[in-house]
Amino acid sequence: MTNATIDRKSLLCPEGFQELRLPMGRAWARQDVSAEQLTAILSHDAETLKESSKSRVRRIGHWVLKETRGGLRRRAARRQHDAWMASHFLRAHGVRVPEPLALIERKRLGVLTGSVHIFQYLGGCRNVEHYLSDFIHAGTQGDVLAAFLERLAASVNAISAAGAYHSDLSGKNIFTKDGVRFYFIDLDAVEIGFEYTDEKRLKNHVQLYDSFCDALSDTLLVPFIQAMTPSHLDLRVWMPTVRSAQEKRRAKVEAYWARHGRPDNVNPLRSVRELYTEE
């Protein structure tokens, strides 16, 4: 499958969805959702989950609203379009992502002023870094952890098998409720219809290895990476490449934190190594 063979227009408004005209612009929404309902959702009081000068993420009940605003509106709107289409594409290929409800374009005097992507709130789910951290602190044994990683690898493989690539496949962007079913978020980082090259595969493997390597040994992580590695790659060469690239990635992150401060939402698995070291 190539980018040229994908009907992007059909992904913008697939079966079961409709295009609507709104007072503030236009929308693509689920067939059972009216323009009045979308307008009401946008004006409803909501819990702010994350906010910056360019975007805001809010929660209203079972739904998340990801809004873009301010500068670089067209680029931001394009990323919202990409996330919207990626959600339909991946769902059609059996990959779990938050259910899409609507994509709204805000316009004023014909000029794009922002966009809103409305999708399912994954209630009861945690990202796999937090999920695995709780597993480990609860004393979960290696065979259970190995089975967890095996299921996760199968879910990751489903993305490339569908003809897609997630450029930010770290553990914070993979959610689960039960350690069996996995949901992928930050879909504006997904490319569809492009070849999954070894360079892209390496980037994903480094992201995943970096998420888990503080808490899990290579006894668990090598089989995990192997489950996502095609036969044309020699694991004896591939794993040292993954480790080396991960060390460079980590060094860059640590240098950035040294300059700008450590964020609040650091991967909890990093503290697992520190805990075991203290013991």
Protein backbone atom coordinates (compact mmCIF):
# COMPACT_ATOMS: atom_id res chain seq x y z
CA MET A 1 0.00 0.00 0.00
CA THR A 2 1.31 3.45 -0.90
CA ASN A 3 0.21 6.95 -0.04
CA ALA A 4 -1.13 7.37 -3.56
CA THR A 5 -3.54 4.42 -3.21
CA ILE A 6 -5.27 5.78 -0.07
CA ASP A 7 -8.51 7.67 -0.65
CA ARG A 8 -8.04 10.49 1.84
CA LYS A 9 -11.38 12.07 0.99
CA SER A 10 -13.16 8.91 2.11
CA LEU A 11 -11.14 8.92 5.35
CA LEU A 12 -12.22 12.51 6.01
CA CYS A 13 -15.88 11.50 5.82
CA PRO A 14 -16.13 7.70 5.92
CA GLU A 15 -19.27 5.59 6.02
CA GLY A 16 -21.33 6.42 9.09
CA PHE A 17 -20.14 10.05 9.14
CA GLN A 18 -21.44 13.28 7.63
CA GLU A 19 -20.32 16.79 6.78
CA LEU A 20 -22.12 19.54 8.66
CA ARG A 21 -22.28 23.32 8.39
CA LEU A 22 -21.88 25.14 11.70
CA PRO A 23 -22.24 28.81 12.64
CA MET A 24 -18.47 28.95 13.23
CA GLY A 25 -17.42 26.84 10.23
CA ARG A 26 -17.87 23.21 9.21
CA ALA A 27 -17.50 19.77 10.70
CA TRP A 28 -17.25 16.09 9.90
CA ALA A 29 -19.14 14.13 12.52
CA ARG A 30 -20.70 10.82 13.33
CA GLN A 31 -24.02 10.33 11.52
CA ASP A 32 -26.07 10.44 14.72
CA VAL A 33 -24.62 13.78 15.88
CA SER A 34 -26.34 17.05 14.93
CA ALA A 35 -24.89 20.52 14.38
CA GLU A 36 -26.77 21.68 17.47
CA GLN A 37 -25.20 18.97 19.60
CA LEU A 38 -21.69 19.89 18.43
CA THR A 39 -22.33 23.57 19.16
CA ALA A 40 -23.55 22.61 22.64
CA ILE A 41 -20.45 20.48 23.29
CA LEU A 42 -18.14 23.34 22.29
CA SER A 43 -19.88 25.76 24.66
CA HIS A 44 -20.09 23.32 27.56
CA ASP A 45 -17.97 23.72 30.69
CA ALA A 46 -15.08 21.28 30.52
CA GLU A 47 -12.13 20.05 32.55
CA THR A 48 -8.83 21.28 31.12
CA LEU A 49 -6.33 18.43 30.84
CA LYS A 50 -3.49 20.28 29.11
CA GLU A 51 -3.00 23.78 27.71
CA SER A 52 -0.40 25.79 25.81
CA SER A 53 -0.34 28.95 23.71
CA LYS A 54 -1.19 26.91 20.61
CA SER A 55 -3.55 24.24 21.86
CA ARG A 56 -5.85 23.12 24.63
CA VAL A 57 -7.07 19.65 25.58
CA ARG A 58 -10.31 19.43 27.56
CA ARG A 59 -12.59 16.66 28.77
CA ILE A 60 -16.38 16.69 28.69
CA GLY A 61 -17.80 13.45 30.08
CA HIS A 62 -16.90 10.60 27.73
CA TRP A 63 -15.21 12.91 25.20
CA VAL A 64 -11.91 14.75 24.79
CA LEU A 65 -11.69 18.02 22.84
CA LYS A 66 -8.29 18.80 21.34
CA GLU A 67 -8.34 22.40 20.14
CA THR A 68 -5.77 24.32 18.10
CA ARG A 69 -5.60 28.08 18.06
CA GLY A 70 -3.25 30.98 17.51
CA GLY A 71 -0.28 30.93 15.11
CA LEU A 72 0.49 28.30 12.48
CA ARG A 73 -3.23 27.56 12.21
CA ARG A 74 -3.05 25.82 8.86
CA ARG A 75 -0.23 23.53 9.94
CA ALA A 76 -2.03 22.73 13.20
CA ALA A 77 -5.29 22.14 11.34
CA ARG A 78 -3.49 19.78 8.98
CA ARG A 79 -2.22 17.78 11.96
CA GLN A 80 -5.79 17.58 13.26
CA HIS A 81 -6.89 16.31 9.85
CA ASP A 82 -4.08 13.76 9.91
CA ALA A 83 -5.14 12.52 13.37
CA TRP A 84 -8.79 12.32 12.29
CA MET A 85 -8.02 10.32 9.16
CA ALA A 86 -5.50 8.13 10.98
CA SER A 87 -8.15 7.20 13.54
CA HIS A 88 -10.51 5.99 10.81
CA PHE A 89 -7.74 4.23 8.91
CA LEU A 90 -6.39 2.37 11.93
CA ARG A 91 -9.84 1.40 13.23
CA ALA A 92 -10.67 -0.01 9.80
CA HIS A 93 -7.56 -2.21 10.08
CA GLY A 94 -8.32 -3.47 13.58
CA VAL A 95 -5.94 -1.19 15.49
CA ARG A 96 -7.46 0.22 18.69
CA VAL A 97 -7.56 4.02 18.98
CA PRO A 98 -9.97 6.38 20.75
CA GLU A 99 -13.32 6.45 18.96
CA PRO A 100 -13.61 9.60 16.78
CA LEU A 101 -16.75 11.75 17.16
CA ALA A 102 -16.12 14.93 15.17
CA LEU A 103 -13.57 17.18 13.50
CA ILE A 104 -14.49 20.87 13.46
CA GLU A 105 -12.92 23.71 11.48
CA ARG A 106 -13.48 27.17 12.92
CA LYS A 107 -13.55 29.98 10.38
CA ARG A 108 -14.08 33.73 10.50
CA LEU A 109 -14.70 35.67 7.28
CA GLY A 110 -13.53 32.62 5.36
CA VAL A 111 -10.22 32.42 7.24
CA LEU A 112 -9.33 29.35 9.30
CA THR A 113 -8.98 30.34 12.96
CA GLY A 114 -8.67 26.95 14.61
CA SER A 115 -9.85 23.35 14.73
CA VAL A 116 -11.28 20.93 17.26
CA HIS A 117 -10.85 17.14 17.22
CA ILE A 118 -13.38 15.36 19.46
CA PHE A 119 -12.68 11.77 20.41
CA GLN A 120 -13.28 9.18 23.11
CA TYR A 121 -11.92 9.63 26.62
CA LEU A 122 -10.25 6.35 27.59
CA GLY A 123 -11.82 6.03 31.01
CA GLY A 124 -10.12 3.55 33.32
CA CYS A 125 -7.05 3.30 31.08
CA ARG A 126 -3.48 4.27 31.93
CA ASN A 127 -0.48 4.56 29.71
CA VAL A 128 1.66 1.43 29.68
CA GLU A 129 4.50 3.09 31.60
CA HIS A 130 2.22 3.67 34.59
CA TYR A 131 0.51 0.31 34.13
CA LEU A 132 3.82 -1.56 34.09
CA SER A 133 5.13 0.43 37.04
CA ASP A 134 2.17 -0.70 39.15
CA PHE A 135 2.71 -4.26 37.91
CA ILE A 136 6.31 -4.24 39.08
CA HIS A 137 5.62 -2.64 42.45
CA ALA A 138 2.94 -5.29 43.03
CA GLY A 139 5.62 -7.97 42.67
CA THR A 140 4.54 -9.30 39.28
CA GLN A 141 6.80 -12.12 38.08
CA GLY A 142 8.81 -12.30 34.87
CA ASP A 143 6.54 -14.70 32.98
CA VAL A 144 3.58 -12.35 33.45
CA LEU A 145 5.66 -9.39 32.33
CA ALA A 146 6.86 -11.35 29.29
CA ALA A 147 3.26 -12.15 28.33
CA PHE A 148 2.35 -8.47 28.70
CA LEU A 149 5.20 -7.46 26.40
CA GLU A 150 4.27 -10.16 23.89
CA ARG A 151 0.72 -8.78 23.64
CA LEU A 152 2.04 -5.24 23.35
CA ALA A 153 4.42 -6.23 20.54
CA ALA A 154 1.53 -7.82 18.63
CA SER A 155 -0.46 -4.58 18.91
CA VAL A 156 2.50 -2.51 17.71
CA ASN A 157 3.00 -4.88 14.78
CA ALA A 158 -0.62 -4.33 13.79
CA ILE A 159 0.15 -0.68 13.02
CA SER A 160 2.83 -1.43 10.45
CA ALA A 161 0.79 -4.35 9.09
CA ALA A 162 -2.00 -1.85 8.40
CA GLY A 163 0.38 0.32 6.36
CA ALA A 164 0.89 3.02 8.98
CA TYR A 165 3.72 4.45 11.07
CA HIS A 166 3.50 6.19 14.46
CA SER A 167 6.47 8.52 14.85
CA ASP A 168 6.08 8.91 18.64
CA LEU A 169 5.54 5.36 19.85
CA SER A 170 6.79 5.74 23.40
CA GLY A 171 4.90 4.14 26.26
CA LYS A 172 3.13 7.37 27.19
CA ASN A 173 1.18 7.17 23.94
CA ILE A 174 -0.07 3.60 24.45
CA PHE A 175 -2.96 3.06 26.88
CA THR A 176 -4.48 -0.04 28.42
CA LYS A 177 -7.03 -0.97 31.05
CA ASP A 178 -6.27 -4.66 31.38
CA GLY A 179 -2.84 -5.27 29.84
CA VAL A 180 -4.49 -7.18 27.01
CA ARG A 181 -6.07 -4.54 24.80
CA PHE A 182 -3.96 -1.53 23.84
CA TYR A 183 -5.03 1.87 22.49
CA PHE A 184 -2.76 4.27 20.63
CA ILE A 185 -3.07 8.03 21.04
CA ASP A 186 -1.40 11.19 19.64
CA LEU A 187 -2.56 10.18 16.20
CA ASP A 188 -1.33 13.38 14.58
CA ALA A 189 2.05 11.58 14.69
CA VAL A 190 0.71 8.78 12.46
CA GLU A 191 1.60 8.53 8.79
CA ILE A 192 -0.56 6.32 6.62
CA GLY A 193 0.29 4.73 3.31
CA PHE A 194 4.05 5.07 3.63
CA GLU A 195 6.64 2.30 3.68
CA TYR A 196 7.69 1.20 7.15
CA THR A 197 11.44 1.43 6.61
CA ASP A 198 14.12 0.05 8.90
CA GLU A 199 14.92 3.64 9.88
CA LYS A 200 11.34 4.15 11.10
CA ARG A 201 11.37 0.75 12.78
CA LEU A 202 14.56 1.66 14.63
CA LYS A 203 13.02 4.89 15.87
CA ASN A 204 10.01 3.00 17.24
CA HIS A 205 12.15 0.32 18.87
CA VAL A 206 14.33 2.96 20.53
CA GLN A 207 11.25 4.79 21.83
CA LEU A 208 9.80 1.61 23.32
CA TYR A 209 13.13 0.38 24.69
CA ASP A 210 13.70 3.77 26.32
CA SER A 211 10.28 3.57 27.98
CA PHE A 212 11.01 0.23 29.64
CA CYS A 213 14.77 -0.25 30.00
CA ASP A 214 15.07 1.38 33.43
CA ALA A 215 12.78 -1.24 34.95
CA LEU A 216 13.13 -4.32 32.77
CA SER A 217 16.26 -6.28 31.89
CA ASP A 218 17.23 -7.39 28.41
CA THR A 219 16.08 -10.88 29.37
CA LEU A 220 12.58 -9.47 28.82
CA LEU A 221 13.29 -6.67 26.39
CA VAL A 222 15.30 -8.59 23.78
CA PRO A 223 12.41 -11.02 23.07
CA PHE A 224 10.07 -8.00 23.03
CA ILE A 225 12.14 -6.23 20.38
CA GLN A 226 12.65 -9.49 18.50
CA ALA A 227 8.87 -9.95 18.23
CA MET A 228 8.76 -6.66 16.29
CA THR A 229 11.84 -7.31 14.15
CA PRO A 230 11.54 -8.89 10.66
CA SER A 231 13.70 -11.84 9.68
CA HIS A 232 15.93 -9.83 7.32
CA LEU A 233 17.45 -8.05 10.33
CA ASP A 234 20.08 -9.82 12.44
CA LEU A 235 19.10 -9.35 16.08
CA ARG A 236 22.76 -9.64 17.12
CA VAL A 237 23.41 -6.45 15.16
CA TRP A 238 20.02 -4.82 15.67
CA MET A 239 19.95 -4.83 19.48
CA PRO A 240 23.31 -3.07 19.93
CA THR A 241 22.07 -0.46 17.45
CA VAL A 242 18.87 0.00 19.47
CA ARG A 243 20.80 0.32 22.75
CA SER A 244 23.27 2.81 21.31
CA ALA A 245 20.52 4.99 19.82
CA GLN A 246 18.58 4.84 23.09
CA GLU A 247 21.59 6.05 25.07
CA LYS A 248 21.97 9.00 22.71
CA ARG A 249 18.25 9.76 22.96
CA ARG A 250 18.40 9.65 26.76
CA ALA A 251 21.47 11.90 26.86
CA LYS A 252 19.68 14.54 24.77
CA VAL A 253 16.63 14.42 27.03
CA GLU A 254 18.72 14.72 30.19
CA ALA A 255 20.64 17.66 28.71
CA TYR A 256 17.37 19.39 27.84
CA TRP A 257 16.04 18.85 31.37
CA ALA A 258 19.28 20.24 32.81
CA ARG A 259 18.69 23.46 30.89
CA HIS A 260 14.92 23.79 31.23
CA GLY A 261 13.99 21.79 34.31
CA ARG A 262 12.62 18.31 34.83
CA PRO A 263 8.92 17.94 33.88
CA ASP A 264 6.29 16.75 36.32
CA ASN A 265 5.09 13.80 34.25
CA VAL A 266 8.31 11.78 34.07
CA ASN A 267 8.05 8.10 33.19
CA PRO A 268 7.54 6.36 36.59
CA LEU A 269 9.61 3.39 35.43
CA ARG A 270 12.72 5.54 35.82
CA SER A 271 12.27 5.48 39.58
CA VAL A 272 12.10 1.68 39.58
CA ARG A 273 15.80 1.46 38.79
CA GLU A 274 16.54 4.04 41.48
CA LEU A 275 14.45 2.04 43.97
CA TYR A 276 16.26 -1.19 43.21
CA THR A 277 19.63 0.56 43.39
CA GLU A 278 18.84 1.88 46.85
CA GLU A 279 17.90 -1.59 48.03
